C-alpha atoms as a PDB file:
ATOM      1  CA  UNK A   1      94.387 104.561 148.840  1.00  0.00           C
ATOM      2  CA  UNK A   2      94.500 101.668 151.278  1.00  0.00           C
ATOM      3  CA  UNK A   3      95.183 102.558 154.909  1.00  0.00           C
ATOM      4  CA  UNK A   4      97.445 100.070 156.689  1.00  0.00           C
ATOM      5  CA  UNK A   5      97.431  99.375 160.409  1.00  0.00           C
ATOM      6  CA  UNK A   6     100.665  99.294 162.392  1.00  0.00           C
ATOM      7  CA  UNK A   7     100.572  95.502 162.544  1.00  0.00           C
ATOM      8  CA  UNK A   8     100.443  95.340 158.740  1.00  0.00           C
ATOM      9  CA  UNK A   9     103.617  97.376 158.083  1.00  0.00           C
ATOM     10  CA  UNK A  10     107.249  96.266 157.992  1.00  0.00           C
ATOM     11  CA  UNK A  11     110.170  98.635 157.395  1.00  0.00           C
ATOM     12  CA  UNK A  12     113.296  97.081 155.873  1.00  0.00           C
ATOM     13  CA  UNK A  13     116.739  98.417 154.931  1.00  0.00           C
ATOM     14  CA  UNK A  14     118.694  96.730 152.127  1.00  0.00           C
ATOM     15  CA  UNK A  15     122.398  96.890 152.977  1.00  0.00           C
ATOM     16  CA  UNK A  16     125.526  95.290 151.575  1.00  0.00           C
ATOM     17  CA  UNK A  17     128.800  95.927 149.797  1.00  0.00           C
ATOM     18  CA  UNK A  18     128.882  97.487 146.334  1.00  0.00           C
ATOM     19  CA  UNK A  19     128.145  94.836 143.725  1.00  0.00           C
ATOM     20  CA  UNK A  20     126.167  92.568 146.041  1.00  0.00           C
ATOM     21  CA  UNK A  21     123.040  93.041 143.921  1.00  0.00           C
ATOM     22  CA  UNK A  22     120.717  95.215 146.026  1.00  0.00           C
ATOM     23  CA  UNK A  23     119.462  97.207 143.038  1.00  0.00           C
ATOM     24  CA  UNK A  24     118.816  94.018 141.059  1.00  0.00           C
ATOM     25  CA  UNK A  25     117.056  92.550 144.090  1.00  0.00           C
ATOM     26  CA  UNK A  26     114.863  95.653 144.187  1.00  0.00           C
ATOM     27  CA  UNK A  27     113.810  94.999 140.592  1.00  0.00           C
ATOM     28  CA  UNK A  28     112.790  91.433 141.418  1.00  0.00           C
ATOM     29  CA  UNK A  29     110.932  92.510 144.570  1.00  0.00           C
ATOM     30  CA  UNK A  30     108.923  95.080 142.624  1.00  0.00           C
ATOM     31  CA  UNK A  31     108.276  92.574 139.839  1.00  0.00           C
ATOM     32  CA  UNK A  32     107.113  89.850 142.231  1.00  0.00           C
ATOM     33  CA  UNK A  33     104.833  92.395 143.930  1.00  0.00           C
ATOM     34  CA  UNK A  34     103.235  93.322 140.604  1.00  0.00           C
ATOM     35  CA  UNK A  35     104.407  96.937 140.743  1.00  0.00           C
ATOM     36  CA  UNK A  36     106.449  96.697 137.538  1.00  0.00           C
ATOM     37  CA  UNK A  37     105.780  94.509 134.515  1.00  0.00           C
ATOM     38  CA  UNK A  38     109.397  94.093 133.457  1.00  0.00           C
ATOM     39  CA  UNK A  39     112.611  93.870 135.459  1.00  0.00           C
ATOM     40  CA  UNK A  40     115.269  96.411 134.604  1.00  0.00           C
ATOM     41  CA  UNK A  41     119.018  95.802 134.604  1.00  0.00           C
ATOM     42  CA  UNK A  42     121.828  97.959 135.954  1.00  0.00           C
ATOM     43  CA  UNK A  43     123.773  97.455 132.719  1.00  0.00           C
ATOM     44  CA  UNK A  44     120.786  98.727 130.724  1.00  0.00           C
ATOM     45  CA  UNK A  45     120.420 101.796 132.989  1.00  0.00           C
ATOM     46  CA  UNK A  46     116.693 101.211 133.374  1.00  0.00           C
ATOM     47  CA  UNK A  47     116.275 100.179 137.027  1.00  0.00           C
ATOM     48  CA  UNK A  48     113.760 101.789 139.355  1.00  0.00           C
ATOM     49  CA  UNK A  49     116.229 102.686 142.101  1.00  0.00           C
ATOM     50  CA  UNK A  50     119.352 103.844 140.227  1.00  0.00           C
ATOM     51  CA  UNK A  51     117.755 106.562 138.127  1.00  0.00           C
ATOM     52  CA  UNK A  52     120.121 109.504 138.635  1.00  0.00           C
ATOM     53  CA  UNK A  53     122.601 110.089 135.786  1.00  0.00           C
ATOM     54  CA  UNK A  54     125.618 109.750 138.092  1.00  0.00           C
ATOM     55  CA  UNK A  55     124.385 106.314 139.238  1.00  0.00           C
ATOM     56  CA  UNK A  56     123.776 105.159 135.692  1.00  0.00           C
ATOM     57  CA  UNK A  57     127.176 106.428 134.606  1.00  0.00           C
ATOM     58  CA  UNK A  58     129.128 104.574 137.299  1.00  0.00           C
ATOM     59  CA  UNK A  59     126.844 101.549 137.632  1.00  0.00           C
ATOM     60  CA  UNK A  60     126.286 101.671 141.398  1.00  0.00           C
ATOM     61  CA  UNK A  61     123.987 103.401 143.878  1.00  0.00           C
ATOM     62  CA  UNK A  62     124.926 106.843 145.176  1.00  0.00           C
ATOM     63  CA  UNK A  63     121.629 107.726 146.878  1.00  0.00           C
ATOM     64  CA  UNK A  64     119.198 105.681 148.941  1.00  0.00           C
ATOM     65  CA  UNK A  65     115.899 104.838 147.257  1.00  0.00           C
ATOM     66  CA  UNK A  66     112.588 104.452 149.057  1.00  0.00           C
ATOM     67  CA  UNK A  67     109.962 102.096 147.669  1.00  0.00           C
ATOM     68  CA  UNK A  68     107.260  99.764 148.926  1.00  0.00           C
ATOM     69  CA  UNK A  69     105.773  96.402 148.139  1.00  0.00           C
ATOM     70  CA  UNK A  70     102.549  94.714 149.148  1.00  0.00           C
ATOM     71  CA  UNK A  71     102.831  90.989 149.659  1.00  0.00           C
ATOM     72  CA  UNK A  72     100.147  88.752 151.168  1.00  0.00           C
ATOM     73  CA  UNK A  73      98.343  91.752 152.631  1.00  0.00           C
ATOM     74  CA  UNK A  74     101.425  93.215 154.327  1.00  0.00           C
ATOM     75  CA  UNK A  75     102.993  96.511 153.328  1.00  0.00           C
ATOM     76  CA  UNK A  76     106.766  96.182 153.085  1.00  0.00           C
ATOM     77  CA  UNK A  77     108.577  99.525 153.031  1.00  0.00           C
ATOM     78  CA  UNK A  78     112.130  99.229 151.677  1.00  0.00           C
ATOM     79  CA  UNK A  79     115.111 101.568 151.601  1.00  0.00           C
ATOM     80  CA  UNK A  80     117.748 100.453 149.085  1.00  0.00           C
ATOM     81  CA  UNK A  81     121.010 101.894 150.457  1.00  0.00           C
ATOM     82  CA  UNK A  82     124.312 102.605 148.684  1.00  0.00           C
ATOM     83  CA  UNK A  83     126.995 100.030 149.409  1.00  0.00           C
ATOM     84  CA  UNK A  84     130.041 102.291 149.194  1.00  0.00           C
ATOM     85  CA  UNK A  85     131.569 103.660 152.399  1.00  0.00           C
ATOM     86  CA  UNK A  86     131.646 107.039 150.656  1.00  0.00           C
ATOM     87  CA  UNK A  87     127.877 107.196 151.152  1.00  0.00           C
ATOM     88  CA  UNK A  88     127.628 105.471 154.523  1.00  0.00           C
ATOM     89  CA  UNK A  89     125.423 108.240 155.910  1.00  0.00           C
ATOM     90  CA  UNK A  90     122.536 107.005 153.775  1.00  0.00           C
ATOM     91  CA  UNK A  91     122.754 103.542 155.334  1.00  0.00           C
ATOM     92  CA  UNK A  92     122.957 104.849 158.901  1.00  0.00           C
ATOM     93  CA  UNK A  93     119.983 107.187 158.534  1.00  0.00           C
ATOM     94  CA  UNK A  94     117.975 104.407 156.860  1.00  0.00           C
ATOM     95  CA  UNK A  95     118.610 102.131 159.840  1.00  0.00           C
ATOM     96  CA  UNK A  96     117.160 104.789 162.139  1.00  0.00           C
ATOM     97  CA  UNK A  97     113.760 104.531 160.454  1.00  0.00           C
ATOM     98  CA  UNK A  98     113.619 100.817 159.599  1.00  0.00           C
ATOM     99  CA  UNK A  99     113.086  97.803 161.826  1.00  0.00           C
ATOM    100  CA  UNK A 100     114.992  95.037 160.019  1.00  0.00           C
ATOM    101  CA  UNK A 101     118.181  95.029 157.951  1.00  0.00           C
ATOM    102  CA  UNK A 102     118.705  92.635 155.048  1.00  0.00           C
ATOM    103  CA  UNK A 103     122.456  92.455 154.399  1.00  0.00           C
ATOM    104  CA  UNK A 104     123.049  91.206 150.857  1.00  0.00           C
ATOM    105  CA  UNK A 105     126.243  89.257 150.094  1.00  0.00           C
ATOM    106  CA  UNK A 106     127.909  88.841 146.724  1.00  0.00           C
ATOM    107  CA  UNK A 107     127.894  85.142 145.833  1.00  0.00           C
ATOM    108  CA  UNK A 108     131.411  85.321 144.418  1.00  0.00           C
ATOM    109  CA  UNK A 109     133.059  87.375 147.177  1.00  0.00           C
ATOM    110  CA  UNK A 110     131.055  86.392 150.260  1.00  0.00           C
ATOM    111  CA  UNK A 111     131.776  88.459 153.365  1.00  0.00           C
ATOM    112  CA  UNK A 112     133.371  91.776 152.366  1.00  0.00           C
ATOM    113  CA  UNK A 113     134.459  94.918 154.194  1.00  0.00           C
ATOM    114  CA  UNK A 114     131.113  96.558 153.457  1.00  0.00           C
ATOM    115  CA  UNK A 115     129.299  93.529 154.887  1.00  0.00           C
ATOM    116  CA  UNK A 116     131.103  93.881 158.200  1.00  0.00           C
ATOM    117  CA  UNK A 117     130.775  97.668 158.318  1.00  0.00           C
ATOM    118  CA  UNK A 118     127.036  97.531 157.733  1.00  0.00           C
ATOM    119  CA  UNK A 119     126.652  94.830 160.370  1.00  0.00           C
ATOM    120  CA  UNK A 120     128.401  97.085 162.890  1.00  0.00           C
ATOM    121  CA  UNK A 121     125.891  99.851 162.183  1.00  0.00           C
ATOM    122  CA  UNK A 122     123.009  97.441 162.851  1.00  0.00           C
ATOM    123  CA  UNK A 123     124.725  96.351 166.057  1.00  0.00           C
ATOM    124  CA  UNK A 124     125.043  99.919 167.305  1.00  0.00           C
ATOM    125  CA  UNK A 125     121.353 100.584 166.647  1.00  0.00           C
ATOM    126  CA  UNK A 126     120.148  97.169 167.826  1.00  0.00           C
ATOM    127  CA  UNK A 127     118.442  96.205 164.568  1.00  0.00           C
ATOM    128  CA  UNK A 128     117.513  92.643 163.530  1.00  0.00           C
ATOM    129  CA  UNK A 129     119.624  91.258 160.675  1.00  0.00           C
ATOM    130  CA  UNK A 130     118.931  88.810 157.866  1.00  0.00           C
ATOM    131  CA  UNK A 131     121.842  87.705 155.687  1.00  0.00           C
ATOM    132  CA  UNK A 132     121.005  87.132 152.036  1.00  0.00           C
ATOM    133  CA  UNK A 133     123.458  85.289 149.773  1.00  0.00           C
ATOM    134  CA  UNK A 134     122.853  86.509 146.227  1.00  0.00           C
ATOM    135  CA  UNK A 135     124.234  85.505 142.824  1.00  0.00           C
ATOM    136  CA  UNK A 136     124.065  81.776 143.468  1.00  0.00           C
ATOM    137  CA  UNK A 137     124.371  81.271 139.717  1.00  0.00           C
ATOM    138  CA  UNK A 138     127.974  82.490 139.800  1.00  0.00           C
ATOM    139  CA  UNK A 139     130.670  79.898 139.009  1.00  0.00           C
ATOM    140  CA  UNK A 140     132.664  80.887 142.093  1.00  0.00           C
ATOM    141  CA  UNK A 141     129.779  80.916 144.562  1.00  0.00           C
ATOM    142  CA  UNK A 142     130.416  78.538 147.482  1.00  0.00           C
ATOM    143  CA  UNK A 143     127.517  78.491 149.945  1.00  0.00           C
ATOM    144  CA  UNK A 144     129.252  76.339 152.561  1.00  0.00           C
ATOM    145  CA  UNK A 145     132.341  78.582 152.610  1.00  0.00           C
ATOM    146  CA  UNK A 146     130.227  81.722 153.015  1.00  0.00           C
ATOM    147  CA  UNK A 147     128.232  80.133 155.845  1.00  0.00           C
ATOM    148  CA  UNK A 148     131.436  79.032 157.565  1.00  0.00           C
ATOM    149  CA  UNK A 149     132.901  82.534 157.234  1.00  0.00           C
ATOM    150  CA  UNK A 150     129.751  84.171 158.622  1.00  0.00           C
ATOM    151  CA  UNK A 151     129.731  81.810 161.596  1.00  0.00           C
ATOM    152  CA  UNK A 152     133.449  82.388 162.185  1.00  0.00           C
ATOM    153  CA  UNK A 153     132.764  86.123 162.488  1.00  0.00           C
ATOM    154  CA  UNK A 154     129.307  86.249 164.086  1.00  0.00           C
ATOM    155  CA  UNK A 155     129.094  82.859 165.771  1.00  0.00           C
ATOM    156  CA  UNK A 156     126.339  80.247 165.811  1.00  0.00           C
ATOM    157  CA  UNK A 157     123.674  82.959 165.740  1.00  0.00           C
ATOM    158  CA  UNK A 158     123.997  82.754 161.949  1.00  0.00           C
ATOM    159  CA  UNK A 159     121.447  80.050 161.142  1.00  0.00           C
ATOM    160  CA  UNK A 160     120.761  78.926 157.561  1.00  0.00           C
ATOM    161  CA  UNK A 161     117.065  78.871 156.707  1.00  0.00           C
ATOM    162  CA  UNK A 162     117.914  77.710 153.193  1.00  0.00           C
ATOM    163  CA  UNK A 163     120.702  76.098 151.233  1.00  0.00           C
ATOM    164  CA  UNK A 164     121.090  75.665 147.444  1.00  0.00           C
ATOM    165  CA  UNK A 165     120.871  72.250 145.825  1.00  0.00           C
ATOM    166  CA  UNK A 166     123.796  73.409 143.682  1.00  0.00           C
ATOM    167  CA  UNK A 167     125.460  76.689 142.775  1.00  0.00           C
ATOM    168  CA  UNK A 168     126.786  77.930 139.449  1.00  0.00           C
ATOM    169  CA  UNK A 169     125.090  78.314 136.052  1.00  0.00           C
ATOM    170  CA  UNK A 170     122.752  75.369 136.721  1.00  0.00           C
ATOM    171  CA  UNK A 171     121.400  76.805 139.974  1.00  0.00           C
ATOM    172  CA  UNK A 172     117.607  76.598 140.121  1.00  0.00           C
ATOM    173  CA  UNK A 173     116.627  74.949 143.424  1.00  0.00           C
ATOM    174  CA  UNK A 174     116.678  75.827 147.120  1.00  0.00           C
ATOM    175  CA  UNK A 175     116.029  73.633 150.145  1.00  0.00           C
ATOM    176  CA  UNK A 176     114.073  75.565 152.780  1.00  0.00           C
ATOM    177  CA  UNK A 177     114.621  74.060 156.239  1.00  0.00           C
ATOM    178  CA  UNK A 178     111.883  76.119 157.886  1.00  0.00           C
ATOM    179  CA  UNK A 179     109.228  74.755 155.525  1.00  0.00           C
ATOM    180  CA  UNK A 180     111.175  71.508 154.910  1.00  0.00           C
ATOM    181  CA  UNK A 181     110.460  71.699 151.190  1.00  0.00           C
ATOM    182  CA  UNK A 182     112.400  72.090 147.950  1.00  0.00           C
ATOM    183  CA  UNK A 183     111.724  75.222 145.888  1.00  0.00           C
ATOM    184  CA  UNK A 184     112.527  74.803 142.187  1.00  0.00           C
ATOM    185  CA  UNK A 185     112.440  77.648 139.656  1.00  0.00           C
ATOM    186  CA  UNK A 186     112.006  77.819 135.908  1.00  0.00           C
ATOM    187  CA  UNK A 187     114.756  79.565 133.876  1.00  0.00           C
ATOM    188  CA  UNK A 188     112.741  82.807 134.061  1.00  0.00           C
ATOM    189  CA  UNK A 189     112.313  82.627 137.843  1.00  0.00           C
ATOM    190  CA  UNK A 190     109.145  83.847 139.523  1.00  0.00           C
ATOM    191  CA  UNK A 191     107.022  81.505 141.613  1.00  0.00           C
ATOM    192  CA  UNK A 192     108.621  78.247 142.667  1.00  0.00           C
ATOM    193  CA  UNK A 193     107.383  74.711 142.245  1.00  0.00           C
ATOM    194  CA  UNK A 194     107.316  73.266 145.770  1.00  0.00           C
ATOM    195  CA  UNK A 195     108.148  69.579 146.245  1.00  0.00           C
ATOM    196  CA  UNK A 196     109.447  67.194 148.897  1.00  0.00           C
ATOM    197  CA  UNK A 197     113.149  67.263 149.699  1.00  0.00           C
ATOM    198  CA  UNK A 198     115.136  64.643 147.718  1.00  0.00           C
ATOM    199  CA  UNK A 199     116.278  61.665 149.773  1.00  0.00           C
ATOM    200  CA  UNK A 200     119.975  62.421 149.228  1.00  0.00           C
ATOM    201  CA  UNK A 201     119.578  65.878 150.815  1.00  0.00           C
ATOM    202  CA  UNK A 202     117.188  64.955 153.596  1.00  0.00           C
ATOM    203  CA  UNK A 203     119.835  64.324 156.286  1.00  0.00           C
ATOM    204  CA  UNK A 204     121.524  67.673 155.629  1.00  0.00           C
ATOM    205  CA  UNK A 205     118.163  69.444 155.675  1.00  0.00           C
ATOM    206  CA  UNK A 206     117.122  67.673 158.875  1.00  0.00           C
ATOM    207  CA  UNK A 207     120.346  68.703 160.619  1.00  0.00           C
ATOM    208  CA  UNK A 208     119.838  72.362 159.664  1.00  0.00           C
ATOM    209  CA  UNK A 209     116.148  72.166 160.586  1.00  0.00           C
ATOM    210  CA  UNK A 210     117.048  70.922 164.059  1.00  0.00           C
ATOM    211  CA  UNK A 211     119.488  73.811 164.554  1.00  0.00           C
ATOM    212  CA  UNK A 212     116.795  76.280 163.460  1.00  0.00           C
ATOM    213  CA  UNK A 213     114.218  74.733 165.826  1.00  0.00           C
ATOM    214  CA  UNK A 214     116.658  74.946 168.747  1.00  0.00           C
ATOM    215  CA  UNK A 215     117.461  78.580 167.952  1.00  0.00           C
ATOM    216  CA  UNK A 216     113.760  79.471 167.728  1.00  0.00           C
ATOM    217  CA  UNK A 217     112.973  77.743 171.032  1.00  0.00           C
ATOM    218  CA  UNK A 218     115.745  79.564 172.905  1.00  0.00           C
ATOM    219  CA  UNK A 219     113.903  82.875 172.770  1.00  0.00           C
ATOM    220  CA  UNK A 220     110.550  81.850 174.248  1.00  0.00           C
ATOM    221  CA  UNK A 221     110.067  79.971 177.528  1.00  0.00           C
ATOM    222  CA  UNK A 222     106.932  78.125 176.407  1.00  0.00           C
ATOM    223  CA  UNK A 223     108.607  77.058 173.167  1.00  0.00           C
ATOM    224  CA  UNK A 224     111.672  75.896 175.059  1.00  0.00           C
ATOM    225  CA  UNK A 225     109.482  73.805 177.358  1.00  0.00           C
ATOM    226  CA  UNK A 226     107.748  72.195 174.390  1.00  0.00           C
ATOM    227  CA  UNK A 227     111.081  71.602 172.654  1.00  0.00           C
ATOM    228  CA  UNK A 228     112.427  69.760 175.694  1.00  0.00           C
ATOM    229  CA  UNK A 229     109.315  67.581 175.700  1.00  0.00           C
ATOM    230  CA  UNK A 230     109.030  66.746 172.000  1.00  0.00           C
ATOM    231  CA  UNK A 231     112.183  68.156 170.298  1.00  0.00           C
ATOM    232  CA  UNK A 232     109.939  69.735 167.669  1.00  0.00           C
ATOM    233  CA  UNK A 233     107.909  72.879 166.974  1.00  0.00           C
ATOM    234  CA  UNK A 234     105.140  73.646 164.506  1.00  0.00           C
ATOM    235  CA  UNK A 235     105.796  76.071 161.642  1.00  0.00           C
ATOM    236  CA  UNK A 236     103.807  78.794 163.417  1.00  0.00           C
ATOM    237  CA  UNK A 237     105.711  78.236 166.657  1.00  0.00           C
ATOM    238  CA  UNK A 238     108.994  78.450 164.784  1.00  0.00           C
ATOM    239  CA  UNK A 239     107.930  81.748 163.234  1.00  0.00           C
ATOM    240  CA  UNK A 240     107.152  83.149 166.685  1.00  0.00           C
ATOM    241  CA  UNK A 241     110.499  81.994 168.049  1.00  0.00           C
ATOM    242  CA  UNK A 242     112.464  83.281 165.064  1.00  0.00           C
ATOM    243  CA  UNK A 243     110.722  86.664 165.292  1.00  0.00           C
ATOM    244  CA  UNK A 244     111.658  86.969 168.962  1.00  0.00           C
ATOM    245  CA  UNK A 245     115.185  85.850 168.142  1.00  0.00           C
ATOM    246  CA  UNK A 246     115.440  88.521 165.453  1.00  0.00           C
ATOM    247  CA  UNK A 247     114.316  91.271 167.841  1.00  0.00           C
ATOM    248  CA  UNK A 248     116.827  90.077 170.460  1.00  0.00           C
ATOM    249  CA  UNK A 249     119.584  89.784 167.818  1.00  0.00           C
ATOM    250  CA  UNK A 250     119.939  86.169 168.881  1.00  0.00           C
ATOM    251  CA  UNK A 251     119.250  84.780 165.394  1.00  0.00           C
ATOM    252  CA  UNK A 252     120.701  85.981 162.080  1.00  0.00           C
ATOM    253  CA  UNK A 253     118.908  83.904 159.408  1.00  0.00           C
ATOM    254  CA  UNK A 254     120.703  83.161 156.140  1.00  0.00           C
ATOM    255  CA  UNK A 255     118.667  83.081 152.918  1.00  0.00           C
ATOM    256  CA  UNK A 256     119.546  82.297 149.289  1.00  0.00           C
ATOM    257  CA  UNK A 257     118.512  84.114 146.111  1.00  0.00           C
ATOM    258  CA  UNK A 258     119.536  84.742 142.558  1.00  0.00           C
ATOM    259  CA  UNK A 259     118.024  88.196 142.094  1.00  0.00           C
ATOM    260  CA  UNK A 260     119.255  88.404 138.513  1.00  0.00           C
ATOM    261  CA  UNK A 261     117.037  85.435 137.575  1.00  0.00           C
ATOM    262  CA  UNK A 262     114.295  86.213 140.125  1.00  0.00           C
ATOM    263  CA  UNK A 263     114.866  82.948 141.985  1.00  0.00           C
ATOM    264  CA  UNK A 264     114.187  82.747 145.714  1.00  0.00           C
ATOM    265  CA  UNK A 265     112.708  86.241 145.919  1.00  0.00           C
ATOM    266  CA  UNK A 266     109.152  84.947 146.391  1.00  0.00           C
ATOM    267  CA  UNK A 267     110.184  82.957 149.466  1.00  0.00           C
ATOM    268  CA  UNK A 268     112.166  85.901 150.850  1.00  0.00           C
ATOM    269  CA  UNK A 269     109.088  88.130 150.579  1.00  0.00           C
ATOM    270  CA  UNK A 270     106.999  85.492 152.349  1.00  0.00           C
ATOM    271  CA  UNK A 271     109.476  85.449 155.228  1.00  0.00           C
ATOM    272  CA  UNK A 272     109.617  89.239 155.439  1.00  0.00           C
ATOM    273  CA  UNK A 273     105.839  89.444 155.483  1.00  0.00           C
ATOM    274  CA  UNK A 274     105.197  86.590 157.914  1.00  0.00           C
ATOM    275  CA  UNK A 275     108.170  86.496 160.266  1.00  0.00           C
ATOM    276  CA  UNK A 276     110.215  89.692 160.641  1.00  0.00           C
ATOM    277  CA  UNK A 277     108.987  92.017 163.419  1.00  0.00           C
ATOM    278  CA  UNK A 278     106.341  94.678 162.987  1.00  0.00           C
ATOM    279  CA  UNK A 279     106.979  98.272 164.023  1.00  0.00           C
ATOM    280  CA  UNK A 280     105.200  97.846 167.365  1.00  0.00           C
ATOM    281  CA  UNK A 281     107.255  94.756 168.262  1.00  0.00           C
ATOM    282  CA  UNK A 282     110.553  96.633 168.275  1.00  0.00           C
ATOM    283  CA  UNK A 283     112.144  98.276 171.350  1.00  0.00           C
ATOM    284  CA  UNK A 284     111.074 101.828 172.156  1.00  0.00           C
ATOM    285  CA  UNK A 285     112.810 104.698 170.373  1.00  0.00           C
ATOM    286  CA  UNK A 286     114.629 107.406 172.373  1.00  0.00           C
ATOM    287  CA  UNK A 287     115.049 111.048 171.445  1.00  0.00           C
ATOM    288  CA  UNK A 288     118.277 113.053 171.675  1.00  0.00           C
ATOM    289  CA  UNK A 289     117.585 113.705 175.381  1.00  0.00           C
ATOM    290  CA  UNK A 290     117.359 109.993 176.099  1.00  0.00           C
ATOM    291  CA  UNK A 291     113.593 110.094 176.616  1.00  0.00           C
ATOM    292  CA  UNK A 292     111.334 107.333 175.312  1.00  0.00           C
ATOM    293  CA  UNK A 293     109.240 108.388 172.320  1.00  0.00           C
ATOM    294  CA  UNK A 294     105.889 106.651 172.647  1.00  0.00           C
ATOM    295  CA  UNK A 295     104.251 105.830 169.281  1.00  0.00           C
ATOM    296  CA  UNK A 296     101.064 107.602 170.372  1.00  0.00           C
ATOM    297  CA  UNK A 297      98.876 109.274 167.733  1.00  0.00           C
ATOM    298  CA  UNK A 298      97.615 111.664 170.420  1.00  0.00           C
ATOM    299  CA  UNK A 299     101.065 112.561 171.695  1.00  0.00           C
ATOM    300  CA  UNK A 300     103.329 115.421 170.600  1.00  0.00           C
ATOM    301  CA  UNK A 301     104.427 115.249 166.976  1.00  0.00           C
ATOM    302  CA  UNK A 302     107.967 114.014 166.423  1.00  0.00           C
ATOM    303  CA  UNK A 303     109.606 113.230 163.099  1.00  0.00           C
ATOM    304  CA  UNK A 304     112.901 111.707 161.978  1.00  0.00           C
ATOM    305  CA  UNK A 305     114.148 113.125 158.673  1.00  0.00           C
ATOM    306  CA  UNK A 306     116.345 110.590 156.923  1.00  0.00           C
ATOM    307  CA  UNK A 307     116.693 111.820 153.345  1.00  0.00           C
ATOM    308  CA  UNK A 308     116.631 115.067 151.395  1.00  0.00           C
ATOM    309  CA  UNK A 309     116.929 114.965 147.636  1.00  0.00           C
ATOM    310  CA  UNK A 310     116.297 116.811 144.416  1.00  0.00           C
ATOM    311  CA  UNK A 311     113.835 114.927 142.257  1.00  0.00           C
ATOM    312  CA  UNK A 312     113.478 115.632 138.519  1.00  0.00           C
ATOM    313  CA  UNK A 313     110.420 117.774 137.697  1.00  0.00           C
ATOM    314  CA  UNK A 314     109.548 118.084 141.409  1.00  0.00           C
ATOM    315  CA  UNK A 315     112.365 119.881 143.189  1.00  0.00           C
ATOM    316  CA  UNK A 316     113.484 119.304 146.764  1.00  0.00           C
ATOM    317  CA  UNK A 317     111.838 116.356 148.489  1.00  0.00           C
ATOM    318  CA  UNK A 318     112.302 115.464 152.149  1.00  0.00           C
ATOM    319  CA  UNK A 319     111.614 112.024 153.554  1.00  0.00           C
ATOM    320  CA  UNK A 320     110.754 111.440 157.190  1.00  0.00           C
ATOM    321  CA  UNK A 321     109.230 108.880 159.522  1.00  0.00           C
ATOM    322  CA  UNK A 322     106.514 109.967 161.943  1.00  0.00           C
ATOM    323  CA  UNK A 323     107.624 108.688 165.341  1.00  0.00           C
ATOM    324  CA  UNK A 324     104.639 110.054 167.304  1.00  0.00           C
ATOM    325  CA  UNK A 325     101.674 112.383 166.933  1.00  0.00           C
END
């Protein structure tokens, strides 16, 4: 079994309203990581994360599911959380042991009550947030309206990293303004074909790219100095600035996927592996007495239990994160 160092591990919570597609996203993440050979479907009751009979009966998550992915040498630990407020405890405990929250939005409904509730939990715990607009193949999906609504609520900190060439049944391409490339997918999804941005979309992409560069530069003095001199940053410099902006909750990137067709998931995994903060880049954790818990392997042992469940053929299983020791 491979042993990962702290700077090779990222812990991520998948949040979002019921029906936003977190379970379907999980299937595509596992498929893209090579951990499953076929993507399941909620309607077929054969997904990895919704495996309890009650979840399969009602068609939505009741319990959180822990899984991992390895992508480009990084270990990505995920907790797929229920979207219903009836099971909000699972989302809150997951946020206590993860370092980044991906809030998934339904392409048809955009910002919902669950979206805002889950964001408030991340705010209380000071966790970085990535917004992920899913179901871009839906007839009623309107990217610009969702972006406008997010910025109305959360301000200019919501910065699009991507936008779709078109939405609806013909969706198959994304413009990535960090990489300044177009990502086009086959009908079966998977890995994208990467090409230059079409001329008719270049001005829109350039405008969003400039906003992303400015946001990245704001969170690092040396990057800000370079930005004032040249009004540009390299891709690596932008990643550094975005990571610092995520930790400071000064940037909330917006990504695009169609998890059902496995489109955009490869680029999302790249971003999670290369940009979101590692465990040791996050602020220190405090115990119930307000004392800092140092992540020292030689210190006293401290654990945070975040899930207890009954697993078929195993019995009671408890999940915890080792905070020190």
